[in-house]
């Protein structure tokens, strides 16, 4: 494809989620009960449009980028809510609506602002490598960059999207949003996870995920540098809650404060 044919700044592939938000005084443990509080005066549940990938693309669109989203959803109430939100934000979409159910998440936020998230991936997890290659390759090729995730997609499907993007000349972003051990147990195997991480030009792990990759590294700076060297990423951005984000690239390591 001629680079002049690219009409999207970024195309995203991953979680599109209806978030059900709850507030509670503290997170309860096993065999405990807790009371839910009102969420901003809306009662005990607030419905929001979310998902790691859809959040990223929504912000990109608000900042003026031309944005596309592809993948699998269902023709259900949750899916209709999500698609209406994407239209309002000006996202171009290529969605297969044959999935069993659109993705939802139950999110619990405590008095300190910490959160626990339980996800039901639904149709997102039903997207297979052949769907990417046969149904979405041309759409991917219209973009300058692909952003995807290790969160809800099967690892072999994520890998297929990354390989398709690189074959079309796109740069790639991978968000490692769950622990590697959880990804291996729920989404694929260790070899495929390693292959996914090696396909990232920009790799964005959470601090907990990064520390599980290399627990022997004493400092955060050494950790992100080790990840960048191991997976040959151009840039690693490790997010660490209130501390902000730690960037590692050819210029070295530096912290960017949290907003």
C-alpha atoms as a PDB file:
ATOM      1  CA  UNK A   1       0.000   0.000   0.000  1.00  0.00           C
ATOM      2  CA  UNK A   2       1.185   3.498  -0.773  1.00  0.00           C
ATOM      3  CA  UNK A   3       1.559   5.466   2.460  1.00  0.00           C
ATOM      4  CA  UNK A   4      -0.509   8.204   0.850  1.00  0.00           C
ATOM      5  CA  UNK A   5      -3.484   5.821   0.999  1.00  0.00           C
ATOM      6  CA  UNK A   6      -3.431   5.819   4.797  1.00  0.00           C
ATOM      7  CA  UNK A   7      -6.504   7.671   6.029  1.00  0.00           C
ATOM      8  CA  UNK A   8      -6.365   6.793   9.737  1.00  0.00           C
ATOM      9  CA  UNK A   9      -3.768   7.913  12.260  1.00  0.00           C
ATOM     10  CA  UNK A  10      -4.382   4.897  14.462  1.00  0.00           C
ATOM     11  CA  UNK A  11      -6.540   1.787  14.368  1.00  0.00           C
ATOM     12  CA  UNK A  12      -7.357  -0.077  17.563  1.00  0.00           C
ATOM     13  CA  UNK A  13      -8.128  -3.705  18.301  1.00  0.00           C
ATOM     14  CA  UNK A  14      -9.221  -4.925  21.717  1.00  0.00           C
ATOM     15  CA  UNK A  15     -11.613  -4.277  24.544  1.00  0.00           C
ATOM     16  CA  UNK A  16     -14.823  -2.302  24.022  1.00  0.00           C
ATOM     17  CA  UNK A  17     -16.627  -2.567  27.336  1.00  0.00           C
ATOM     18  CA  UNK A  18     -19.738  -1.394  29.132  1.00  0.00           C
ATOM     19  CA  UNK A  19     -18.416  -0.566  32.614  1.00  0.00           C
ATOM     20  CA  UNK A  20     -20.699  -0.930  35.626  1.00  0.00           C
ATOM     21  CA  UNK A  21     -19.135   1.293  38.285  1.00  0.00           C
ATOM     22  CA  UNK A  22     -19.617   0.752  42.040  1.00  0.00           C
ATOM     23  CA  UNK A  23     -18.280   2.612  45.086  1.00  0.00           C
ATOM     24  CA  UNK A  24     -17.506   0.917  48.378  1.00  0.00           C
ATOM     25  CA  UNK A  25     -15.731   1.863  51.584  1.00  0.00           C
ATOM     26  CA  UNK A  26     -13.192  -0.932  51.170  1.00  0.00           C
ATOM     27  CA  UNK A  27     -12.558  -3.987  49.039  1.00  0.00           C
ATOM     28  CA  UNK A  28     -13.911  -7.078  50.745  1.00  0.00           C
ATOM     29  CA  UNK A  29     -12.094 -10.382  50.925  1.00  0.00           C
ATOM     30  CA  UNK A  30     -13.314 -13.933  50.564  1.00  0.00           C
ATOM     31  CA  UNK A  31     -16.436 -14.741  52.586  1.00  0.00           C
ATOM     32  CA  UNK A  32     -16.969 -11.062  53.473  1.00  0.00           C
ATOM     33  CA  UNK A  33     -19.812  -8.691  52.663  1.00  0.00           C
ATOM     34  CA  UNK A  34     -19.719  -4.955  52.054  1.00  0.00           C
ATOM     35  CA  UNK A  35     -22.190  -2.178  51.370  1.00  0.00           C
ATOM     36  CA  UNK A  36     -22.228  -0.302  48.085  1.00  0.00           C
ATOM     37  CA  UNK A  37     -22.421   3.491  48.151  1.00  0.00           C
ATOM     38  CA  UNK A  38     -23.996   5.905  45.697  1.00  0.00           C
ATOM     39  CA  UNK A  39     -21.878   6.689  42.656  1.00  0.00           C
ATOM     40  CA  UNK A  40     -22.111  10.456  42.279  1.00  0.00           C
ATOM     41  CA  UNK A  41     -25.766  10.505  43.275  1.00  0.00           C
ATOM     42  CA  UNK A  42     -26.714   7.982  40.580  1.00  0.00           C
ATOM     43  CA  UNK A  43     -27.441   5.142  42.978  1.00  0.00           C
ATOM     44  CA  UNK A  44     -25.212   2.084  43.504  1.00  0.00           C
ATOM     45  CA  UNK A  45     -24.400   1.558  39.796  1.00  0.00           C
ATOM     46  CA  UNK A  46     -23.204   3.970  37.120  1.00  0.00           C
ATOM     47  CA  UNK A  47     -23.073   2.718  33.522  1.00  0.00           C
ATOM     48  CA  UNK A  48     -20.127   4.039  31.499  1.00  0.00           C
ATOM     49  CA  UNK A  49     -18.590   3.332  28.120  1.00  0.00           C
ATOM     50  CA  UNK A  50     -15.073   1.996  28.557  1.00  0.00           C
ATOM     51  CA  UNK A  51     -12.567  -0.707  27.855  1.00  0.00           C
ATOM     52  CA  UNK A  52      -8.821  -0.238  27.645  1.00  0.00           C
ATOM     53  CA  UNK A  53      -8.727   0.101  23.876  1.00  0.00           C
ATOM     54  CA  UNK A  54     -11.892   2.131  23.444  1.00  0.00           C
ATOM     55  CA  UNK A  55     -10.710   4.553  26.150  1.00  0.00           C
ATOM     56  CA  UNK A  56      -7.412   5.049  24.315  1.00  0.00           C
ATOM     57  CA  UNK A  57      -9.111   5.627  20.982  1.00  0.00           C
ATOM     58  CA  UNK A  58     -11.701   7.966  22.475  1.00  0.00           C
ATOM     59  CA  UNK A  59      -8.953  10.191  23.869  1.00  0.00           C
ATOM     60  CA  UNK A  60      -7.067  10.070  20.577  1.00  0.00           C
ATOM     61  CA  UNK A  61     -10.201  11.198  18.745  1.00  0.00           C
ATOM     62  CA  UNK A  62     -10.767  14.042  21.234  1.00  0.00           C
ATOM     63  CA  UNK A  63      -7.188  15.175  20.614  1.00  0.00           C
ATOM     64  CA  UNK A  64      -7.870  15.375  16.880  1.00  0.00           C
ATOM     65  CA  UNK A  65      -6.545  12.058  15.569  1.00  0.00           C
ATOM     66  CA  UNK A  66      -8.400  10.112  12.897  1.00  0.00           C
ATOM     67  CA  UNK A  67      -9.263   6.838  14.568  1.00  0.00           C
ATOM     68  CA  UNK A  68     -10.602   3.422  13.588  1.00  0.00           C
ATOM     69  CA  UNK A  69     -11.743   0.396  15.594  1.00  0.00           C
ATOM     70  CA  UNK A  70     -12.301  -3.160  14.444  1.00  0.00           C
ATOM     71  CA  UNK A  71     -13.228  -6.455  16.039  1.00  0.00           C
ATOM     72  CA  UNK A  72     -16.185  -8.512  17.180  1.00  0.00           C
ATOM     73  CA  UNK A  73     -19.234  -7.438  19.183  1.00  0.00           C
ATOM     74  CA  UNK A  74     -22.803  -8.642  19.610  1.00  0.00           C
ATOM     75  CA  UNK A  75     -26.041  -7.083  18.452  1.00  0.00           C
ATOM     76  CA  UNK A  76     -27.218  -6.630  22.039  1.00  0.00           C
ATOM     77  CA  UNK A  77     -28.019  -3.715  24.334  1.00  0.00           C
ATOM     78  CA  UNK A  78     -24.419  -3.337  25.491  1.00  0.00           C
ATOM     79  CA  UNK A  79     -23.127  -3.389  21.932  1.00  0.00           C
ATOM     80  CA  UNK A  80     -25.642  -0.777  20.802  1.00  0.00           C
ATOM     81  CA  UNK A  81     -24.577   1.506  23.663  1.00  0.00           C
ATOM     82  CA  UNK A  82     -20.922   1.112  22.710  1.00  0.00           C
ATOM     83  CA  UNK A  83     -21.488   1.697  18.994  1.00  0.00           C
ATOM     84  CA  UNK A  84     -23.528   4.832  19.671  1.00  0.00           C
ATOM     85  CA  UNK A  85     -20.676   6.208  21.779  1.00  0.00           C
ATOM     86  CA  UNK A  86     -18.146   5.453  19.038  1.00  0.00           C
ATOM     87  CA  UNK A  87     -20.286   7.274  16.491  1.00  0.00           C
ATOM     88  CA  UNK A  88     -20.515  10.315  18.768  1.00  0.00           C
ATOM     89  CA  UNK A  89     -16.721  10.405  19.064  1.00  0.00           C
ATOM     90  CA  UNK A  90     -16.242  10.098  15.306  1.00  0.00           C
ATOM     91  CA  UNK A  91     -14.587   6.673  15.362  1.00  0.00           C
ATOM     92  CA  UNK A  92     -14.700   4.765  12.092  1.00  0.00           C
ATOM     93  CA  UNK A  93     -15.531   1.132  12.760  1.00  0.00           C
ATOM     94  CA  UNK A  94     -15.405  -2.267  11.112  1.00  0.00           C
ATOM     95  CA  UNK A  95     -17.295  -4.532  13.510  1.00  0.00           C
ATOM     96  CA  UNK A  96     -18.553  -8.090  13.215  1.00  0.00           C
ATOM     97  CA  UNK A  97     -21.786  -8.322  15.229  1.00  0.00           C
ATOM     98  CA  UNK A  98     -21.993 -12.108  15.293  1.00  0.00           C
ATOM     99  CA  UNK A  99     -20.514 -12.459  18.798  1.00  0.00           C
ATOM    100  CA  UNK A 100     -22.335 -14.111  21.689  1.00  0.00           C
ATOM    101  CA  UNK A 101     -22.353 -11.022  23.934  1.00  0.00           C
ATOM    102  CA  UNK A 102     -20.632  -7.658  24.090  1.00  0.00           C
ATOM    103  CA  UNK A 103     -18.017  -7.149  26.791  1.00  0.00           C
ATOM    104  CA  UNK A 104     -18.983  -5.866  30.242  1.00  0.00           C
ATOM    105  CA  UNK A 105     -16.999  -5.162  33.408  1.00  0.00           C
ATOM    106  CA  UNK A 106     -17.911  -4.797  37.070  1.00  0.00           C
ATOM    107  CA  UNK A 107     -15.639  -2.135  38.623  1.00  0.00           C
ATOM    108  CA  UNK A 108     -15.396  -1.523  42.369  1.00  0.00           C
ATOM    109  CA  UNK A 109     -13.702   1.654  43.652  1.00  0.00           C
ATOM    110  CA  UNK A 110     -12.791   2.123  47.318  1.00  0.00           C
ATOM    111  CA  UNK A 111     -12.441   5.245  49.461  1.00  0.00           C
ATOM    112  CA  UNK A 112      -8.792   5.677  48.425  1.00  0.00           C
ATOM    113  CA  UNK A 113      -9.626   5.564  44.722  1.00  0.00           C
ATOM    114  CA  UNK A 114      -8.142   2.100  44.220  1.00  0.00           C
ATOM    115  CA  UNK A 115     -10.135  -0.256  42.015  1.00  0.00           C
ATOM    116  CA  UNK A 116     -10.859  -3.907  41.351  1.00  0.00           C
ATOM    117  CA  UNK A 117     -12.133  -4.926  37.921  1.00  0.00           C
ATOM    118  CA  UNK A 118     -13.892  -8.138  36.903  1.00  0.00           C
ATOM    119  CA  UNK A 119     -14.270  -8.524  33.124  1.00  0.00           C
ATOM    120  CA  UNK A 120     -16.497 -10.665  30.910  1.00  0.00           C
ATOM    121  CA  UNK A 121     -14.791 -10.483  27.527  1.00  0.00           C
ATOM    122  CA  UNK A 122     -17.676 -11.953  25.526  1.00  0.00           C
ATOM    123  CA  UNK A 123     -17.315 -11.386  21.789  1.00  0.00           C
ATOM    124  CA  UNK A 124     -13.842  -9.843  22.149  1.00  0.00           C
ATOM    125  CA  UNK A 125     -12.440 -13.217  23.180  1.00  0.00           C
ATOM    126  CA  UNK A 126     -14.213 -14.932  20.271  1.00  0.00           C
ATOM    127  CA  UNK A 127     -12.195 -13.067  17.633  1.00  0.00           C
ATOM    128  CA  UNK A 128      -9.792 -15.491  15.970  1.00  0.00           C
ATOM    129  CA  UNK A 129      -6.627 -14.968  13.876  1.00  0.00           C
ATOM    130  CA  UNK A 130      -8.454 -15.857  10.651  1.00  0.00           C
ATOM    131  CA  UNK A 131     -10.992 -13.077  11.339  1.00  0.00           C
ATOM    132  CA  UNK A 132      -8.136 -10.580  11.513  1.00  0.00           C
ATOM    133  CA  UNK A 133      -6.431 -11.794   8.340  1.00  0.00           C
ATOM    134  CA  UNK A 134      -9.540 -12.375   6.229  1.00  0.00           C
ATOM    135  CA  UNK A 135     -11.913  -9.652   7.407  1.00  0.00           C
ATOM    136  CA  UNK A 136      -9.809  -6.771   8.713  1.00  0.00           C
ATOM    137  CA  UNK A 137      -6.418  -6.715   6.947  1.00  0.00           C
ATOM    138  CA  UNK A 138      -7.461  -4.009   4.490  1.00  0.00           C
ATOM    139  CA  UNK A 139      -8.884  -1.858   7.290  1.00  0.00           C
ATOM    140  CA  UNK A 140      -5.646  -2.237   9.278  1.00  0.00           C
ATOM    141  CA  UNK A 141      -3.650  -1.213   6.227  1.00  0.00           C
ATOM    142  CA  UNK A 142      -5.415   2.156   6.092  1.00  0.00           C
ATOM    143  CA  UNK A 143      -3.763   3.269   9.346  1.00  0.00           C
ATOM    144  CA  UNK A 144      -0.330   4.559  10.297  1.00  0.00           C
ATOM    145  CA  UNK A 145      -0.308   2.716  13.637  1.00  0.00           C
ATOM    146  CA  UNK A 146      -2.027  -0.253  15.281  1.00  0.00           C
ATOM    147  CA  UNK A 147      -2.758  -0.206  19.010  1.00  0.00           C
ATOM    148  CA  UNK A 148      -3.743  -3.468  20.677  1.00  0.00           C
ATOM    149  CA  UNK A 149      -3.602  -5.179  24.051  1.00  0.00           C
ATOM    150  CA  UNK A 150      -2.975  -8.154  26.281  1.00  0.00           C
ATOM    151  CA  UNK A 151      -6.189  -8.008  28.269  1.00  0.00           C
ATOM    152  CA  UNK A 152      -9.198  -9.726  26.659  1.00  0.00           C
ATOM    153  CA  UNK A 153      -8.087 -10.894  23.210  1.00  0.00           C
ATOM    154  CA  UNK A 154      -6.674 -14.393  22.742  1.00  0.00           C
ATOM    155  CA  UNK A 155      -2.900 -14.110  22.418  1.00  0.00           C
ATOM    156  CA  UNK A 156      -2.780 -15.755  18.997  1.00  0.00           C
ATOM    157  CA  UNK A 157      -5.364 -13.241  17.758  1.00  0.00           C
ATOM    158  CA  UNK A 158      -3.339 -10.311  19.104  1.00  0.00           C
ATOM    159  CA  UNK A 159      -0.246 -11.744  17.428  1.00  0.00           C
ATOM    160  CA  UNK A 160      -2.066 -12.071  14.097  1.00  0.00           C
ATOM    161  CA  UNK A 161      -3.094  -8.407  14.258  1.00  0.00           C
ATOM    162  CA  UNK A 162       0.455  -7.291  15.047  1.00  0.00           C
ATOM    163  CA  UNK A 163       1.970  -9.378  12.258  1.00  0.00           C
ATOM    164  CA  UNK A 164      -0.654  -8.079   9.807  1.00  0.00           C
ATOM    165  CA  UNK A 165       0.147  -4.511  10.835  1.00  0.00           C
ATOM    166  CA  UNK A 166       3.902  -4.914  10.461  1.00  0.00           C
ATOM    167  CA  UNK A 167       3.461  -6.577   7.076  1.00  0.00           C
ATOM    168  CA  UNK A 168       1.499  -3.483   5.992  1.00  0.00           C
ATOM    169  CA  UNK A 169       4.178  -1.107   7.286  1.00  0.00           C
ATOM    170  CA  UNK A 170       2.404   0.115  10.447  1.00  0.00           C
ATOM    171  CA  UNK A 171       4.081   0.819  13.757  1.00  0.00           C
ATOM    172  CA  UNK A 172       2.569  -1.011  16.729  1.00  0.00           C
ATOM    173  CA  UNK A 173       1.592  -0.413  20.343  1.00  0.00           C
ATOM    174  CA  UNK A 174       0.914  -3.236  22.821  1.00  0.00           C
ATOM    175  CA  UNK A 175      -0.690  -2.532  26.199  1.00  0.00           C
ATOM    176  CA  UNK A 176       0.174  -5.281  28.704  1.00  0.00           C
ATOM    177  CA  UNK A 177      -2.733  -4.697  31.067  1.00  0.00           C
ATOM    178  CA  UNK A 178      -2.914  -8.004  32.960  1.00  0.00           C
ATOM    179  CA  UNK A 179      -0.295 -10.061  34.758  1.00  0.00           C
ATOM    180  CA  UNK A 180       1.695 -12.264  32.361  1.00  0.00           C
ATOM    181  CA  UNK A 181       0.736 -15.316  34.444  1.00  0.00           C
ATOM    182  CA  UNK A 182      -2.958 -14.469  34.060  1.00  0.00           C
ATOM    183  CA  UNK A 183      -2.514 -13.877  30.324  1.00  0.00           C
ATOM    184  CA  UNK A 184      -0.888 -17.283  29.895  1.00  0.00           C
ATOM    185  CA  UNK A 185      -3.601 -19.018  31.911  1.00  0.00           C
ATOM    186  CA  UNK A 186      -6.594 -17.295  30.300  1.00  0.00           C
ATOM    187  CA  UNK A 187      -5.507 -16.112  26.851  1.00  0.00           C
ATOM    188  CA  UNK A 188      -2.892 -18.471  25.429  1.00  0.00           C
ATOM    189  CA  UNK A 189       0.580 -19.754  26.222  1.00  0.00           C
ATOM    190  CA  UNK A 190       3.932 -18.287  27.247  1.00  0.00           C
ATOM    191  CA  UNK A 191       5.561 -18.629  23.824  1.00  0.00           C
ATOM    192  CA  UNK A 192       2.746 -16.689  22.165  1.00  0.00           C
ATOM    193  CA  UNK A 193       2.865 -14.008  24.863  1.00  0.00           C
ATOM    194  CA  UNK A 194       6.594 -13.596  24.264  1.00  0.00           C
ATOM    195  CA  UNK A 195       5.976 -13.319  20.522  1.00  0.00           C
ATOM    196  CA  UNK A 196       3.318 -10.641  21.109  1.00  0.00           C
ATOM    197  CA  UNK A 197       5.666  -8.573  23.267  1.00  0.00           C
ATOM    198  CA  UNK A 198       8.436  -8.827  20.653  1.00  0.00           C
ATOM    199  CA  UNK A 199       6.059  -7.420  18.001  1.00  0.00           C
ATOM    200  CA  UNK A 200       5.548  -4.174  19.960  1.00  0.00           C
ATOM    201  CA  UNK A 201       7.336  -1.065  18.760  1.00  0.00           C
ATOM    202  CA  UNK A 202       5.930   0.710  21.820  1.00  0.00           C
ATOM    203  CA  UNK A 203       5.298  -1.590  24.780  1.00  0.00           C
ATOM    204  CA  UNK A 204       3.134  -0.275  27.621  1.00  0.00           C
ATOM    205  CA  UNK A 205       3.011  -2.563  30.683  1.00  0.00           C
ATOM    206  CA  UNK A 206       1.460  -1.790  34.032  1.00  0.00           C
ATOM    207  CA  UNK A 207       3.968  -1.732  36.879  1.00  0.00           C
ATOM    208  CA  UNK A 208       2.633  -4.986  38.359  1.00  0.00           C
ATOM    209  CA  UNK A 209       2.836  -6.751  34.990  1.00  0.00           C
ATOM    210  CA  UNK A 210       6.360  -5.433  34.380  1.00  0.00           C
ATOM    211  CA  UNK A 211       7.576  -6.574  37.794  1.00  0.00           C
ATOM    212  CA  UNK A 212       6.267 -10.065  37.196  1.00  0.00           C
ATOM    213  CA  UNK A 213       8.266 -10.242  33.951  1.00  0.00           C
ATOM    214  CA  UNK A 214      11.573  -9.488  35.717  1.00  0.00           C
ATOM    215  CA  UNK A 215      11.149  -9.617  39.520  1.00  0.00           C
ATOM    216  CA  UNK A 216      14.904  -9.656  40.068  1.00  0.00           C
ATOM    217  CA  UNK A 217      15.335  -6.043  38.906  1.00  0.00           C
ATOM    218  CA  UNK A 218      15.675  -3.796  41.965  1.00  0.00           C
ATOM    219  CA  UNK A 219      14.848  -0.413  40.449  1.00  0.00           C
ATOM    220  CA  UNK A 220      12.022   0.702  38.188  1.00  0.00           C
ATOM    221  CA  UNK A 221      14.536   2.260  35.787  1.00  0.00           C
ATOM    222  CA  UNK A 222      16.489  -0.993  35.455  1.00  0.00           C
ATOM    223  CA  UNK A 223      13.209  -2.852  34.979  1.00  0.00           C
ATOM    224  CA  UNK A 224      11.941  -0.793  32.034  1.00  0.00           C
ATOM    225  CA  UNK A 225      15.404  -0.806  30.445  1.00  0.00           C
ATOM    226  CA  UNK A 226      15.537  -4.603  30.762  1.00  0.00           C
ATOM    227  CA  UNK A 227      12.097  -4.933  29.143  1.00  0.00           C
ATOM    228  CA  UNK A 228      13.091  -2.661  26.261  1.00  0.00           C
ATOM    229  CA  UNK A 229      16.278  -4.644  25.645  1.00  0.00           C
ATOM    230  CA  UNK A 230      14.608  -8.052  26.007  1.00  0.00           C
ATOM    231  CA  UNK A 231      11.793  -7.353  23.548  1.00  0.00           C
ATOM    232  CA  UNK A 232      13.678  -4.930  21.239  1.00  0.00           C
ATOM    233  CA  UNK A 233      10.979  -2.290  21.642  1.00  0.00           C
ATOM    234  CA  UNK A 234      11.742   1.237  20.506  1.00  0.00           C
ATOM    235  CA  UNK A 235       9.968   2.608  23.590  1.00  0.00           C
ATOM    236  CA  UNK A 236       8.664   1.152  26.852  1.00  0.00           C
ATOM    237  CA  UNK A 237       6.146   3.135  28.933  1.00  0.00           C
ATOM    238  CA  UNK A 238       5.423   1.609  32.336  1.00  0.00           C
ATOM    239  CA  UNK A 239       2.346   3.013  34.078  1.00  0.00           C
ATOM    240  CA  UNK A 240       2.517   3.075  37.873  1.00  0.00           C
ATOM    241  CA  UNK A 241      -0.606   4.679  39.311  1.00  0.00           C
ATOM    242  CA  UNK A 242      -0.027   7.844  41.323  1.00  0.00           C
ATOM    243  CA  UNK A 243       3.710   7.777  40.520  1.00  0.00           C
ATOM    244  CA  UNK A 244       2.956   8.421  36.851  1.00  0.00           C
ATOM    245  CA  UNK A 245       4.629   6.734  33.886  1.00  0.00           C
ATOM    246  CA  UNK A 246       8.261   5.709  33.437  1.00  0.00           C
ATOM    247  CA  UNK A 247       9.511   5.995  29.854  1.00  0.00           C
ATOM    248  CA  UNK A 248      12.510   4.118  28.475  1.00  0.00           C
ATOM    249  CA  UNK A 249      13.853   4.811  24.986  1.00  0.00           C
ATOM    250  CA  UNK A 250      17.140   5.591  23.234  1.00  0.00           C
ATOM    251  CA  UNK A 251      17.439   8.788  25.302  1.00  0.00           C
ATOM    252  CA  UNK A 252      17.306   6.873  28.599  1.00  0.00           C
ATOM    253  CA  UNK A 253      14.710   6.627  31.360  1.00  0.00           C
ATOM    254  CA  UNK A 254      12.540   9.405  32.777  1.00  0.00           C
ATOM    255  CA  UNK A 255       9.370   9.776  34.821  1.00  0.00           C
ATOM    256  CA  UNK A 256       6.281  11.607  33.574  1.00  0.00           C
ATOM    257  CA  UNK A 257       4.076  12.732  36.487  1.00  0.00           C
ATOM    258  CA  UNK A 258       0.518  11.503  36.826  1.00  0.00           C
ATOM    259  CA  UNK A 259      -2.202  14.024  36.048  1.00  0.00           C
END
